[in-house]
Amino acid sequence: MSQTFEFYNTRANEAAAEAKIAKLDNVRDRALRSEATWRGLAEQARKIATERAKAEAERAAKRELEALELAESQVNQASVG
């Protein structure tokens, strides 16, 4: 299952809230470490989503260009033949 930025960010916010109300130092520290990890994962998920969208846009533009070139070559062949 692919995790999203929203999922990781929610977990980070939950860990931050847990750290805020923690009475014991070790519990607070654990929650803060957890928050940092979740935030890192959230940022990584955001980067991956951005890169995927960019790559898909590039592929779509390439497909469109290839389709135009194919149509143009077919028109040229029809006018020659």
C-alpha atoms as a PDB file:
ATOM      1  CA  MET A   1       0.000   0.000   0.000  1.00  0.00           C
ATOM      2  CA  SER A   2       1.372   3.348  -1.017  1.00  0.00           C
ATOM      3  CA  GLN A   3       1.440   5.855   1.813  1.00  0.00           C
ATOM      4  CA  THR A   4       0.669   9.479   1.124  1.00  0.00           C
ATOM      5  CA  PHE A   5       1.980  12.746   2.477  1.00  0.00           C
ATOM      6  CA  GLU A   6      -1.308  13.210   4.319  1.00  0.00           C
ATOM      7  CA  PHE A   7      -0.941   9.872   6.108  1.00  0.00           C
ATOM      8  CA  TYR A   8       2.607  10.594   7.268  1.00  0.00           C
ATOM      9  CA  ASN A   9       1.793  14.174   8.208  1.00  0.00           C
ATOM     10  CA  THR A  10      -1.157  13.024  10.313  1.00  0.00           C
ATOM     11  CA  ARG A  11       1.067  10.560  12.174  1.00  0.00           C
ATOM     12  CA  ALA A  12       3.632  13.338  12.758  1.00  0.00           C
ATOM     13  CA  ASN A  13       0.948  15.622  14.168  1.00  0.00           C
ATOM     14  CA  GLU A  14      -0.260  12.840  16.457  1.00  0.00           C
ATOM     15  CA  ALA A  15       3.284  12.256  17.715  1.00  0.00           C
ATOM     16  CA  ALA A  16       3.745  15.999  18.302  1.00  0.00           C
ATOM     17  CA  ALA A  17       0.517  16.107  20.301  1.00  0.00           C
ATOM     18  CA  GLU A  18       1.653  13.099  22.324  1.00  0.00           C
ATOM     19  CA  ALA A  19       4.976  14.807  23.057  1.00  0.00           C
ATOM     20  CA  LYS A  20       3.199  17.962  24.162  1.00  0.00           C
ATOM     21  CA  ILE A  21       1.147  16.193  26.829  1.00  0.00           C
ATOM     22  CA  ALA A  22       3.818  13.712  27.941  1.00  0.00           C
ATOM     23  CA  LYS A  23       4.712  13.899  31.621  1.00  0.00           C
ATOM     24  CA  LEU A  24       7.801  11.708  31.422  1.00  0.00           C
ATOM     25  CA  ASP A  25      10.944  12.843  29.626  1.00  0.00           C
ATOM     26  CA  ASN A  26      11.533   9.484  27.962  1.00  0.00           C
ATOM     27  CA  VAL A  27       7.964   9.399  26.622  1.00  0.00           C
ATOM     28  CA  ARG A  28       8.315  12.962  25.321  1.00  0.00           C
ATOM     29  CA  ASP A  29      11.667  12.136  23.704  1.00  0.00           C
ATOM     30  CA  ARG A  30      10.241   9.028  22.059  1.00  0.00           C
ATOM     31  CA  ALA A  31       7.296  11.008  20.680  1.00  0.00           C
ATOM     32  CA  LEU A  32       9.604  13.741  19.369  1.00  0.00           C
ATOM     33  CA  ARG A  33      11.795  11.146  17.632  1.00  0.00           C
ATOM     34  CA  SER A  34       8.675   9.610  16.170  1.00  0.00           C
ATOM     35  CA  GLU A  35       7.475  12.999  14.971  1.00  0.00           C
ATOM     36  CA  ALA A  36      10.813  13.697  13.279  1.00  0.00           C
ATOM     37  CA  THR A  37      10.703  10.336  11.515  1.00  0.00           C
ATOM     38  CA  TRP A  38       7.116  10.812  10.350  1.00  0.00           C
ATOM     39  CA  ARG A  39       7.917  14.321   9.082  1.00  0.00           C
ATOM     40  CA  GLY A  40      10.874  12.947   7.134  1.00  0.00           C
ATOM     41  CA  LEU A  41       8.664  10.285   5.582  1.00  0.00           C
ATOM     42  CA  ALA A  42       6.022  12.907   4.762  1.00  0.00           C
ATOM     43  CA  GLU A  43       8.559  15.074   2.979  1.00  0.00           C
ATOM     44  CA  GLN A  44       9.906  12.083   1.071  1.00  0.00           C
ATOM     45  CA  ALA A  45       6.362  11.145   0.002  1.00  0.00           C
ATOM     46  CA  ARG A  46       5.747  14.726  -1.143  1.00  0.00           C
ATOM     47  CA  LYS A  47       8.941  14.718  -3.239  1.00  0.00           C
ATOM     48  CA  ILE A  48       8.065  11.380  -4.829  1.00  0.00           C
ATOM     49  CA  ALA A  49       4.550  12.568  -5.690  1.00  0.00           C
ATOM     50  CA  THR A  50       5.953  15.750  -7.231  1.00  0.00           C
ATOM     51  CA  GLU A  51       8.531  13.823  -9.251  1.00  0.00           C
ATOM     52  CA  ARG A  52       5.897  11.348 -10.456  1.00  0.00           C
ATOM     53  CA  ALA A  53       3.602  14.153 -11.575  1.00  0.00           C
ATOM     54  CA  LYS A  54       6.459  15.858 -13.406  1.00  0.00           C
ATOM     55  CA  ALA A  55       7.503  12.606 -15.109  1.00  0.00           C
ATOM     56  CA  GLU A  56       3.913  11.875 -16.140  1.00  0.00           C
ATOM     57  CA  ALA A  57       3.542  15.362 -17.609  1.00  0.00           C
ATOM     58  CA  GLU A  58       6.758  14.864 -19.586  1.00  0.00           C
ATOM     59  CA  ARG A  59       5.565  11.469 -20.852  1.00  0.00           C
ATOM     60  CA  ALA A  60       2.205  12.950 -21.868  1.00  0.00           C
ATOM     61  CA  ALA A  61       3.923  15.768 -23.760  1.00  0.00           C
ATOM     62  CA  LYS A  62       6.173  13.253 -25.511  1.00  0.00           C
ATOM     63  CA  ARG A  63       3.182  11.087 -26.487  1.00  0.00           C
ATOM     64  CA  GLU A  64       1.361  14.135 -27.828  1.00  0.00           C
ATOM     65  CA  LEU A  65       4.378  15.184 -29.888  1.00  0.00           C
ATOM     66  CA  GLU A  66       4.749  11.654 -31.281  1.00  0.00           C
ATOM     67  CA  ALA A  67       1.053  11.589 -32.206  1.00  0.00           C
ATOM     68  CA  LEU A  68       1.367  14.934 -33.999  1.00  0.00           C
ATOM     69  CA  GLU A  69       4.456  13.745 -35.868  1.00  0.00           C
ATOM     70  CA  LEU A  70       2.676  10.535 -36.887  1.00  0.00           C
ATOM     71  CA  ALA A  71      -0.372  12.461 -38.099  1.00  0.00           C
ATOM     72  CA  GLU A  72       1.856  14.842 -40.037  1.00  0.00           C
ATOM     73  CA  SER A  73       3.735  11.991 -41.706  1.00  0.00           C
ATOM     74  CA  GLN A  74       0.442  10.325 -42.657  1.00  0.00           C
ATOM     75  CA  VAL A  75      -0.804  13.571 -44.198  1.00  0.00           C
ATOM     76  CA  ASN A  76       2.459  13.936 -46.122  1.00  0.00           C
ATOM     77  CA  GLN A  77       2.246  10.342 -47.381  1.00  0.00           C
ATOM     78  CA  ALA A  78      -1.364  10.815 -48.466  1.00  0.00           C
ATOM     79  CA  SER A  79      -0.559  13.983 -50.385  1.00  0.00           C
ATOM     80  CA  VAL A  80       2.439  12.344 -52.097  1.00  0.00           C
ATOM     81  CA  GLY A  81       0.602   9.127 -52.959  1.00  0.00           C
END
